[in-house]
PDB file of N, CA and C in Angstrom:
ATOM      1  N   MET A   1     -30.069 -72.839 -30.698  1.00  0.00           N
ATOM      2  CA  MET A   1     -29.341 -72.138 -31.387  1.00  0.00           C
ATOM      3  C   MET A   1     -29.828 -70.939 -31.672  1.00  0.00           C
ATOM      4  N   LYS A   2     -30.991 -70.708 -31.868  1.00  0.00           N
ATOM      5  CA  LYS A   2     -31.340 -69.085 -31.576  1.00  0.00           C
ATOM      6  C   LYS A   2     -31.248 -68.175 -30.086  1.00  0.00           C
ATOM      7  N   LYS A   3     -31.180 -69.327 -29.183  1.00  0.00           N
ATOM      8  CA  LYS A   3     -30.793 -68.651 -27.683  1.00  0.00           C
ATOM      9  C   LYS A   3     -29.341 -68.403 -27.660  1.00  0.00           C
ATOM     10  N   ARG A   4     -28.480 -68.971 -28.340  1.00  0.00           N
ATOM     11  CA  ARG A   4     -27.041 -68.829 -28.737  1.00  0.00           C
ATOM     12  C   ARG A   4     -26.898 -67.320 -29.396  1.00  0.00           C
ATOM     13  N   VAL A   5     -27.565 -67.474 -30.572  1.00  0.00           N
ATOM     14  CA  VAL A   5     -27.042 -66.607 -31.165  1.00  0.00           C
ATOM     15  C   VAL A   5     -27.523 -64.919 -30.670  1.00  0.00           C
ATOM     16  N   ASN A   6     -29.120 -65.406 -29.895  1.00  0.00           N
ATOM     17  CA  ASN A   6     -29.519 -64.105 -29.244  1.00  0.00           C
ATOM     18  C   ASN A   6     -28.669 -63.598 -28.213  1.00  0.00           C
ATOM     19  N   LYS A   7     -27.806 -64.192 -26.975  1.00  0.00           N
ATOM     20  CA  LYS A   7     -27.164 -64.611 -25.996  1.00  0.00           C
ATOM     21  C   LYS A   7     -25.842 -63.735 -26.865  1.00  0.00           C
ATOM     22  N   LYS A   8     -25.263 -63.759 -27.826  1.00  0.00           N
ATOM     23  CA  LYS A   8     -24.147 -63.243 -28.333  1.00  0.00           C
ATOM     24  C   LYS A   8     -24.192 -61.846 -28.971  1.00  0.00           C
ATOM     25  N   SER A   9     -25.348 -61.784 -29.380  1.00  0.00           N
ATOM     26  CA  SER A   9     -26.140 -60.566 -29.649  1.00  0.00           C
ATOM     27  C   SER A   9     -25.992 -59.395 -28.519  1.00  0.00           C
ATOM     28  N   MET A  10     -26.823 -60.306 -27.510  1.00  0.00           N
ATOM     29  CA  MET A  10     -26.964 -59.490 -26.389  1.00  0.00           C
ATOM     30  C   MET A  10     -25.703 -58.883 -25.483  1.00  0.00           C
ATOM     31  N   LEU A  11     -24.603 -59.809 -25.935  1.00  0.00           N
ATOM     32  CA  LEU A  11     -23.143 -59.613 -25.372  1.00  0.00           C
ATOM     33  C   LEU A  11     -22.503 -58.784 -25.944  1.00  0.00           C
ATOM     34  N   LYS A  12     -22.617 -58.855 -27.364  1.00  0.00           N
ATOM     35  CA  LYS A  12     -22.140 -57.591 -28.299  1.00  0.00           C
ATOM     36  C   LYS A  12     -22.746 -56.204 -27.831  1.00  0.00           C
ATOM     37  N   GLU A  13     -23.838 -56.233 -27.488  1.00  0.00           N
ATOM     38  CA  GLU A  13     -24.440 -54.800 -27.478  1.00  0.00           C
ATOM     39  C   GLU A  13     -24.026 -54.277 -26.069  1.00  0.00           C
ATOM     40  N   ALA A  14     -24.115 -55.186 -25.106  1.00  0.00           N
ATOM     41  CA  ALA A  14     -23.764 -55.210 -23.748  1.00  0.00           C
ATOM     42  C   ALA A  14     -22.396 -54.204 -23.606  1.00  0.00           C
ATOM     43  N   ILE A  15     -21.175 -55.136 -24.975  1.00  0.00           N
ATOM     44  CA  ILE A  15     -19.991 -54.935 -24.279  1.00  0.00           C
ATOM     45  C   ILE A  15     -19.498 -53.431 -25.437  1.00  0.00           C
ATOM     46  N   ALA A  16     -20.593 -53.330 -26.426  1.00  0.00           N
ATOM     47  CA  ALA A  16     -20.299 -51.748 -27.379  1.00  0.00           C
ATOM     48  C   ALA A  16     -20.996 -50.678 -26.383  1.00  0.00           C
ATOM     49  N   ASP A  17     -21.753 -51.116 -25.550  1.00  0.00           N
ATOM     50  CA  ASP A  17     -22.190 -50.261 -24.720  1.00  0.00           C
ATOM     51  C   ASP A  17     -21.413 -50.105 -23.487  1.00  0.00           C
ATOM     52  N   ILE A  18     -20.727 -50.895 -22.919  1.00  0.00           N
ATOM     53  CA  ILE A  18     -19.589 -50.478 -22.142  1.00  0.00           C
ATOM     54  C   ILE A  18     -18.180 -49.951 -22.724  1.00  0.00           C
ATOM     55  N   ASP A  19     -17.891 -50.074 -23.678  1.00  0.00           N
ATOM     56  CA  ASP A  19     -17.380 -49.335 -24.672  1.00  0.00           C
ATOM     57  C   ASP A  19     -17.482 -47.759 -24.942  1.00  0.00           C
ATOM     58  N   LYS A  20     -18.773 -47.839 -25.001  1.00  0.00           N
ATOM     59  CA  LYS A  20     -19.241 -46.275 -25.182  1.00  0.00           C
ATOM     60  C   LYS A  20     -18.629 -45.494 -23.953  1.00  0.00           C
ATOM     61  N   GLU A  21     -19.611 -46.303 -23.032  1.00  0.00           N
ATOM     62  CA  GLU A  21     -19.237 -45.690 -21.548  1.00  0.00           C
ATOM     63  C   GLU A  21     -17.768 -45.298 -21.222  1.00  0.00           C
ATOM     64  N   LEU A  22     -16.892 -46.505 -21.626  1.00  0.00           N
ATOM     65  CA  LEU A  22     -15.582 -46.081 -21.278  1.00  0.00           C
ATOM     66  C   LEU A  22     -15.061 -45.169 -21.929  1.00  0.00           C
ATOM     67  N   ASN A  23     -15.617 -44.760 -23.411  1.00  0.00           N
ATOM     68  CA  ASN A  23     -14.765 -43.878 -23.921  1.00  0.00           C
ATOM     69  C   ASN A  23     -15.445 -42.212 -23.355  1.00  0.00           C
ATOM     70  N   THR A  24     -16.701 -42.472 -23.441  1.00  0.00           N
ATOM     71  CA  THR A  24     -17.508 -41.226 -22.645  1.00  0.00           C
ATOM     72  C   THR A  24     -16.614 -40.839 -20.937  1.00  0.00           C
ATOM     73  N   LEU A  25     -16.287 -41.876 -20.249  1.00  0.00           N
ATOM     74  CA  LEU A  25     -15.378 -41.743 -19.218  1.00  0.00           C
ATOM     75  C   LEU A  25     -14.009 -41.333 -19.497  1.00  0.00           C
ATOM     76  N   ALA A  26     -13.318 -41.685 -20.218  1.00  0.00           N
ATOM     77  CA  ALA A  26     -12.028 -41.424 -20.885  1.00  0.00           C
ATOM     78  C   ALA A  26     -12.127 -39.606 -21.081  1.00  0.00           C
ATOM     79  N   SER A  27     -13.247 -39.302 -21.847  1.00  0.00           N
ATOM     80  CA  SER A  27     -13.272 -38.070 -22.476  1.00  0.00           C
ATOM     81  C   SER A  27     -13.268 -36.914 -20.938  1.00  0.00           C
ATOM     82  N   GLU A  28     -14.543 -37.303 -20.332  1.00  0.00           N
ATOM     83  CA  GLU A  28     -14.632 -36.607 -19.419  1.00  0.00           C
ATOM     84  C   GLU A  28     -13.221 -36.736 -18.335  1.00  0.00           C
ATOM     85  N   LYS A  29     -12.803 -37.665 -18.274  1.00  0.00           N
ATOM     86  CA  LYS A  29     -11.533 -37.426 -17.554  1.00  0.00           C
ATOM     87  C   LYS A  29     -10.477 -36.532 -17.914  1.00  0.00           C
ATOM     88  N   SER A  30     -10.182 -36.810 -19.205  1.00  0.00           N
ATOM     89  CA  SER A  30      -9.593 -35.776 -20.113  1.00  0.00           C
ATOM     90  C   SER A  30      -9.795 -34.384 -19.754  1.00  0.00           C
ATOM     91  N   SER A  31     -11.095 -34.203 -19.862  1.00  0.00           N
ATOM     92  CA  SER A  31     -11.406 -32.638 -19.715  1.00  0.00           C
ATOM     93  C   SER A  31     -11.048 -32.396 -18.101  1.00  0.00           C
ATOM     94  N   LEU A  32     -11.839 -33.305 -17.351  1.00  0.00           N
ATOM     95  CA  LEU A  32     -11.111 -32.959 -15.768  1.00  0.00           C
ATOM     96  C   LEU A  32      -9.709 -32.709 -15.554  1.00  0.00           C
ATOM     97  N   GLN A  33      -8.815 -33.351 -16.254  1.00  0.00           N
ATOM     98  CA  GLN A  33      -7.334 -33.323 -16.337  1.00  0.00           C
ATOM     99  C   GLN A  33      -6.856 -31.783 -16.375  1.00  0.00           C
ATOM    100  N   LYS A  34      -7.800 -31.861 -17.738  1.00  0.00           N
ATOM    101  CA  LYS A  34      -7.407 -29.863 -18.309  1.00  0.00           C
ATOM    102  C   LYS A  34      -7.320 -28.940 -17.578  1.00  0.00           C
ATOM    103  N   GLN A  35      -8.827 -29.191 -16.625  1.00  0.00           N
ATOM    104  CA  GLN A  35      -8.926 -27.972 -15.832  1.00  0.00           C
ATOM    105  C   GLN A  35      -8.484 -28.183 -14.468  1.00  0.00           C
ATOM    106  N   ILE A  36      -8.024 -29.438 -14.186  1.00  0.00           N
ATOM    107  CA  ILE A  36      -7.106 -29.019 -13.037  1.00  0.00           C
ATOM    108  C   ILE A  36      -5.787 -28.763 -13.389  1.00  0.00           C
ATOM    109  N   SER A  37      -5.187 -28.957 -14.978  1.00  0.00           N
ATOM    110  CA  SER A  37      -3.935 -28.407 -15.212  1.00  0.00           C
ATOM    111  C   SER A  37      -4.088 -26.624 -15.119  1.00  0.00           C
ATOM    112  N   SER A  38      -5.135 -26.410 -15.543  1.00  0.00           N
ATOM    113  CA  SER A  38      -5.508 -24.929 -15.873  1.00  0.00           C
ATOM    114  C   SER A  38      -5.693 -24.238 -14.183  1.00  0.00           C
ATOM    115  N   ILE A  39      -6.387 -25.070 -13.279  1.00  0.00           N
ATOM    116  CA  ILE A  39      -6.536 -24.561 -11.999  1.00  0.00           C
ATOM    117  C   ILE A  39      -5.021 -24.287 -11.400  1.00  0.00           C
ATOM    118  N   ASN A  40      -4.228 -25.378 -11.642  1.00  0.00           N
ATOM    119  CA  ASN A  40      -3.058 -25.346 -10.965  1.00  0.00           C
ATOM    120  C   ASN A  40      -2.061 -24.035 -11.555  1.00  0.00           C
ATOM    121  N   SER A  41      -2.096 -23.923 -12.884  1.00  0.00           N
ATOM    122  CA  SER A  41      -1.351 -22.634 -13.707  1.00  0.00           C
ATOM    123  C   SER A  41      -1.990 -21.617 -12.768  1.00  0.00           C
ATOM    124  N   SER A  42      -3.405 -21.172 -12.752  1.00  0.00           N
ATOM    125  CA  SER A  42      -3.978 -20.110 -12.131  1.00  0.00           C
ATOM    126  C   SER A  42      -3.116 -19.937 -10.839  1.00  0.00           C
ATOM    127  N   MET A  43      -3.456 -21.126  -9.873  1.00  0.00           N
ATOM    128  CA  MET A  43      -2.584 -21.193  -8.540  1.00  0.00           C
ATOM    129  C   MET A  43      -1.546 -20.488  -8.372  1.00  0.00           C
ATOM    130  N   ALA A  44      -0.608 -20.930  -9.450  1.00  0.00           N
ATOM    131  CA  ALA A  44       0.714 -21.001  -9.303  1.00  0.00           C
ATOM    132  C   ALA A  44       1.030 -19.338  -9.994  1.00  0.00           C
ATOM    133  N   ASN A  45       0.179 -18.707 -10.798  1.00  0.00           N
ATOM    134  CA  ASN A  45       0.067 -17.471 -11.078  1.00  0.00           C
ATOM    135  C   ASN A  45      -0.232 -16.967 -10.235  1.00  0.00           C
ATOM    136  N   ALA A  46      -1.467 -16.854  -8.877  1.00  0.00           N
ATOM    137  CA  ALA A  46      -1.590 -16.336  -7.782  1.00  0.00           C
ATOM    138  C   ALA A  46      -0.375 -16.435  -6.722  1.00  0.00           C
ATOM    139  N   GLU A  47       0.059 -17.558  -6.777  1.00  0.00           N
ATOM    140  CA  GLU A  47       1.034 -17.431  -5.776  1.00  0.00           C
ATOM    141  C   GLU A  47       2.348 -16.409  -6.391  1.00  0.00           C
ATOM    142  N   GLN A  48       2.441 -16.616  -7.281  1.00  0.00           N
ATOM    143  CA  GLN A  48       3.731 -15.556  -7.858  1.00  0.00           C
ATOM    144  C   GLN A  48       3.394 -13.934  -7.641  1.00  0.00           C
ATOM    145  N   SER A  49       1.939 -13.954  -8.105  1.00  0.00           N
ATOM    146  CA  SER A  49       1.753 -12.734  -7.627  1.00  0.00           C
ATOM    147  C   SER A  49       1.655 -11.854  -6.262  1.00  0.00           C
ATOM    148  N   GLU A  50       1.369 -13.124  -5.230  1.00  0.00           N
ATOM    149  CA  GLU A  50       1.638 -12.897  -3.788  1.00  0.00           C
ATOM    150  C   GLU A  50       2.940 -12.363  -3.254  1.00  0.00           C
ATOM    151  N   LYS A  51       3.961 -13.431  -3.924  1.00  0.00           N
ATOM    152  CA  LYS A  51       4.823 -13.246  -3.661  1.00  0.00           C
ATOM    153  C   LYS A  51       5.616 -11.994  -3.841  1.00  0.00           C
ATOM    154  N   GLN A  52       5.197 -11.431  -5.238  1.00  0.00           N
ATOM    155  CA  GLN A  52       5.809 -10.229  -5.462  1.00  0.00           C
ATOM    156  C   GLN A  52       5.225  -9.174  -4.699  1.00  0.00           C
ATOM    157  N   LEU A  53       3.574  -8.885  -4.573  1.00  0.00           N
ATOM    158  CA  LEU A  53       3.170  -8.282  -3.638  1.00  0.00           C
ATOM    159  C   LEU A  53       3.804  -8.263  -2.507  1.00  0.00           C
ATOM    160  N   LYS A  54       4.097  -9.548  -1.601  1.00  0.00           N
ATOM    161  CA  LYS A  54       4.670  -9.102  -0.366  1.00  0.00           C
ATOM    162  C   LYS A  54       6.008  -8.471  -0.334  1.00  0.00           C
ATOM    163  N   GLU A  55       6.875  -8.951  -1.540  1.00  0.00           N
ATOM    164  CA  GLU A  55       8.367  -7.892  -1.478  1.00  0.00           C
ATOM    165  C   GLU A  55       7.813  -6.649  -1.828  1.00  0.00           C
ATOM    166  N   LYS A  56       6.983  -6.365  -2.219  1.00  0.00           N
ATOM    167  CA  LYS A  56       6.548  -4.760  -2.458  1.00  0.00           C
ATOM    168  C   LYS A  56       6.164  -4.227  -1.227  1.00  0.00           C
ATOM    169  N   ILE A  57       5.427  -4.784  -0.278  1.00  0.00           N
ATOM    170  CA  ILE A  57       5.075  -4.446   0.816  1.00  0.00           C
ATOM    171  C   ILE A  57       6.282  -4.494   1.820  1.00  0.00           C
ATOM    172  N   ALA A  58       7.267  -5.537   1.640  1.00  0.00           N
ATOM    173  CA  ALA A  58       8.495  -5.229   2.600  1.00  0.00           C
ATOM    174  C   ALA A  58       9.191  -4.445   2.301  1.00  0.00           C
ATOM    175  N   LYS A  59       9.453  -3.999   0.814  1.00  0.00           N
ATOM    176  CA  LYS A  59      10.181  -2.312   0.348  1.00  0.00           C
ATOM    177  C   LYS A  59       9.492  -1.215   1.166  1.00  0.00           C
ATOM    178  N   LEU A  60       8.072  -1.365   0.783  1.00  0.00           N
ATOM    179  CA  LEU A  60       7.258  -0.248   1.195  1.00  0.00           C
ATOM    180  C   LEU A  60       7.480  -0.017   2.849  1.00  0.00           C
ATOM    181  N   MET A  61       7.525  -0.712   3.574  1.00  0.00           N
ATOM    182  CA  MET A  61       7.387  -0.947   4.981  1.00  0.00           C
ATOM    183  C   MET A  61       9.130  -0.225   5.475  1.00  0.00           C
ATOM    184  N   GLU A  62       9.950  -0.502   4.711  1.00  0.00           N
ATOM    185  CA  GLU A  62      11.317  -0.278   4.803  1.00  0.00           C
ATOM    186  C   GLU A  62      11.338   0.933   4.463  1.00  0.00           C
ATOM    187  N   LYS A  63      10.888   1.595   3.282  1.00  0.00           N
ATOM    188  CA  LYS A  63      11.283   2.815   3.202  1.00  0.00           C
ATOM    189  C   LYS A  63       9.942   3.834   4.035  1.00  0.00           C
ATOM    190  N   GLU A  64       9.218   3.400   4.668  1.00  0.00           N
ATOM    191  CA  GLU A  64       8.305   4.061   5.651  1.00  0.00           C
ATOM    192  C   GLU A  64       9.118   4.293   6.954  1.00  0.00           C
ATOM    193  N   GLU A  65      10.043   3.502   6.937  1.00  0.00           N
ATOM    194  CA  GLU A  65      10.515   3.264   8.297  1.00  0.00           C
ATOM    195  C   GLU A  65      11.591   4.317   8.439  1.00  0.00           C
ATOM    196  N   LYS A  66      12.645   4.246   7.008  1.00  0.00           N
ATOM    197  CA  LYS A  66      13.407   5.410   6.881  1.00  0.00           C
ATOM    198  C   LYS A  66      12.733   6.864   6.923  1.00  0.00           C
ATOM    199  N   LEU A  67      11.791   6.799   6.170  1.00  0.00           N
ATOM    200  CA  LEU A  67      10.784   8.291   6.351  1.00  0.00           C
ATOM    201  C   LEU A  67      10.422   8.792   7.677  1.00  0.00           C
ATOM    202  N   SER A  68      10.306   7.899   8.522  1.00  0.00           N
ATOM    203  CA  SER A  68       9.829   8.072  10.015  1.00  0.00           C
ATOM    204  C   SER A  68      10.868   8.233  10.668  1.00  0.00           C
ATOM    205  N   GLU A  69      11.890   7.833  10.415  1.00  0.00           N
ATOM    206  CA  GLU A  69      13.355   8.047  10.913  1.00  0.00           C
ATOM    207  C   GLU A  69      13.744   9.426  10.622  1.00  0.00           C
ATOM    208  N   LYS A  70      13.726   9.817   9.316  1.00  0.00           N
ATOM    209  CA  LYS A  70      14.239  11.158   8.680  1.00  0.00           C
ATOM    210  C   LYS A  70      12.961  11.948   9.581  1.00  0.00           C
ATOM    211  N   LYS A  71      11.713  11.904   9.538  1.00  0.00           N
ATOM    212  CA  LYS A  71      10.834  12.810  10.443  1.00  0.00           C
ATOM    213  C   LYS A  71      11.052  13.050  11.722  1.00  0.00           C
ATOM    214  N   ARG A  72      11.413  12.064  12.465  1.00  0.00           N
ATOM    215  CA  ARG A  72      11.701  12.397  13.882  1.00  0.00           C
ATOM    216  C   ARG A  72      12.913  13.258  14.027  1.00  0.00           C
ATOM    217  N   GLY A  73      14.077  12.772  13.048  1.00  0.00           N
ATOM    218  CA  GLY A  73      14.939  13.964  12.845  1.00  0.00           C
ATOM    219  C   GLY A  73      15.145  14.921  12.595  1.00  0.00           C
ATOM    220  N   VAL A  74      14.142  15.481  11.724  1.00  0.00           N
ATOM    221  CA  VAL A  74      13.519  16.952  11.133  1.00  0.00           C
ATOM    222  C   VAL A  74      12.921  17.457  12.443  1.00  0.00           C
ATOM    223  N   GLN A  75      11.963  16.585  12.859  1.00  0.00           N
ATOM    224  CA  GLN A  75      11.120  17.342  14.391  1.00  0.00           C
ATOM    225  C   GLN A  75      11.918  17.868  15.018  1.00  0.00           C
ATOM    226  N   ALA A  76      13.184  17.210  15.430  1.00  0.00           N
ATOM    227  CA  ALA A  76      14.098  17.044  16.573  1.00  0.00           C
ATOM    228  C   ALA A  76      14.928  18.528  16.018  1.00  0.00           C
ATOM    229  N   LYS A  77      15.160  18.905  15.142  1.00  0.00           N
ATOM    230  CA  LYS A  77      15.668  20.066  14.488  1.00  0.00           C
ATOM    231  C   LYS A  77      14.823  21.258  14.691  1.00  0.00           C
ATOM    232  N   VAL A  78      13.697  20.838  14.433  1.00  0.00           N
ATOM    233  CA  VAL A  78      12.419  22.239  14.585  1.00  0.00           C
ATOM    234  C   VAL A  78      12.366  22.399  16.057  1.00  0.00           C
ATOM    235  N   ASP A  79      12.046  21.351  16.737  1.00  0.00           N
ATOM    236  CA  ASP A  79      12.133  21.750  18.006  1.00  0.00           C
ATOM    237  C   ASP A  79      13.487  22.340  18.729  1.00  0.00           C
ATOM    238  N   SER A  80      14.611  22.056  18.339  1.00  0.00           N
ATOM    239  CA  SER A  80      15.606  22.817  18.733  1.00  0.00           C
ATOM    240  C   SER A  80      15.626  23.940  18.457  1.00  0.00           C
ATOM    241  N   LEU A  81      15.043  24.299  17.461  1.00  0.00           N
ATOM    242  CA  LEU A  81      15.098  25.912  16.450  1.00  0.00           C
ATOM    243  C   LEU A  81      14.036  26.588  17.297  1.00  0.00           C
ATOM    244  N   SER A  82      13.027  25.716  17.410  1.00  0.00           N
ATOM    245  CA  SER A  82      11.750  26.465  18.287  1.00  0.00           C
ATOM    246  C   SER A  82      12.523  27.175  19.745  1.00  0.00           C
ATOM    247  N   GLU A  83      13.198  26.383  20.460  1.00  0.00           N
ATOM    248  CA  GLU A  83      13.987  26.626  21.800  1.00  0.00           C
ATOM    249  C   GLU A  83      14.753  27.632  21.611  1.00  0.00           C
ATOM    250  N   LYS A  84      15.866  27.663  20.398  1.00  0.00           N
ATOM    251  CA  LYS A  84      16.576  28.233  20.449  1.00  0.00           C
ATOM    252  C   LYS A  84      15.969  29.752  20.134  1.00  0.00           C
ATOM    253  N   LEU A  85      14.929  30.142  19.115  1.00  0.00           N
ATOM    254  CA  LEU A  85      14.118  31.120  18.972  1.00  0.00           C
ATOM    255  C   LEU A  85      13.403  31.780  20.139  1.00  0.00           C
ATOM    256  N   GLY A  86      12.873  30.829  21.100  1.00  0.00           N
ATOM    257  CA  GLY A  86      12.490  31.239  22.070  1.00  0.00           C
ATOM    258  C   GLY A  86      13.392  31.924  23.033  1.00  0.00           C
ATOM    259  N   LYS A  87      14.539  31.502  23.405  1.00  0.00           N
ATOM    260  CA  LYS A  87      15.726  31.892  23.687  1.00  0.00           C
ATOM    261  C   LYS A  87      16.041  33.291  23.692  1.00  0.00           C
ATOM    262  N   VAL A  88      15.875  33.633  22.510  1.00  0.00           N
ATOM    263  CA  VAL A  88      16.280  34.765  21.267  1.00  0.00           C
ATOM    264  C   VAL A  88      15.346  35.551  21.470  1.00  0.00           C
ATOM    265  N   LYS A  89      13.743  35.588  21.639  1.00  0.00           N
ATOM    266  CA  LYS A  89      13.110  35.866  21.991  1.00  0.00           C
ATOM    267  C   LYS A  89      12.888  36.646  23.691  1.00  0.00           C
ATOM    268  N   LYS A  90      13.637  35.896  24.298  1.00  0.00           N
ATOM    269  CA  LYS A  90      13.296  35.874  25.781  1.00  0.00           C
ATOM    270  C   LYS A  90      14.732  37.181  26.177  1.00  0.00           C
ATOM    271  N   ILE A  91      15.587  36.893  25.404  1.00  0.00           N
ATOM    272  CA  ILE A  91      16.985  37.962  25.579  1.00  0.00           C
ATOM    273  C   ILE A  91      16.591  39.326  24.673  1.00  0.00           C
ATOM    274  N   LYS A  92      15.802  39.289  23.828  1.00  0.00           N
ATOM    275  CA  LYS A  92      15.364  40.535  23.174  1.00  0.00           C
ATOM    276  C   LYS A  92      13.910  41.173  23.959  1.00  0.00           C
ATOM    277  N   TYR A  93      13.161  40.504  24.789  1.00  0.00           N
ATOM    278  CA  TYR A  93      12.729  41.443  25.482  1.00  0.00           C
ATOM    279  C   TYR A  93      13.312  41.757  26.992  1.00  0.00           C
ATOM    280  N   GLU A  94      14.322  40.717  27.124  1.00  0.00           N
ATOM    281  CA  GLU A  94      15.092  41.357  28.532  1.00  0.00           C
ATOM    282  C   GLU A  94      16.076  42.424  28.092  1.00  0.00           C
ATOM    283  N   MET A  95      16.491  42.525  26.696  1.00  0.00           N
ATOM    284  CA  MET A  95      17.351  43.834  26.482  1.00  0.00           C
ATOM    285  C   MET A  95      16.235  44.954  26.270  1.00  0.00           C
ATOM    286  N   GLY A  96      14.919  44.838  25.807  1.00  0.00           N
ATOM    287  CA  GLY A  96      13.966  46.125  25.662  1.00  0.00           C
ATOM    288  C   GLY A  96      13.696  46.415  26.616  1.00  0.00           C
ATOM    289  N   GLU A  97      13.906  45.662  27.966  1.00  0.00           N
ATOM    290  CA  GLU A  97      13.364  46.283  29.459  1.00  0.00           C
ATOM    291  C   GLU A  97      14.462  47.173  29.621  1.00  0.00           C
ATOM    292  N   ILE A  98      15.657  47.123  29.675  1.00  0.00           N
ATOM    293  CA  ILE A  98      16.475  47.929  29.843  1.00  0.00           C
ATOM    294  C   ILE A  98      16.579  49.022  29.487  1.00  0.00           C
TER     295      ILE A  98
END
């Protein structure tokens, strides 16, 4: 009879230990799931920021291209004016020789 009671007692203790371990594991699982959720949220925010930055870069590149075109146009006008000024100076010099 003592053996039976002793075995029951040992089994109850083993079951109690297993229950404690299961509760600990469930708690750890819950904590890890919260961490995963937090990380997923952070990743989503980072991806959104990356998307916004890429859009800004694209707009800046577009602006840069427009400014480069404008610069080329202005440089062409400057070159044309320089050429005309050179011609005027040449004519003025030639008239001064007369």
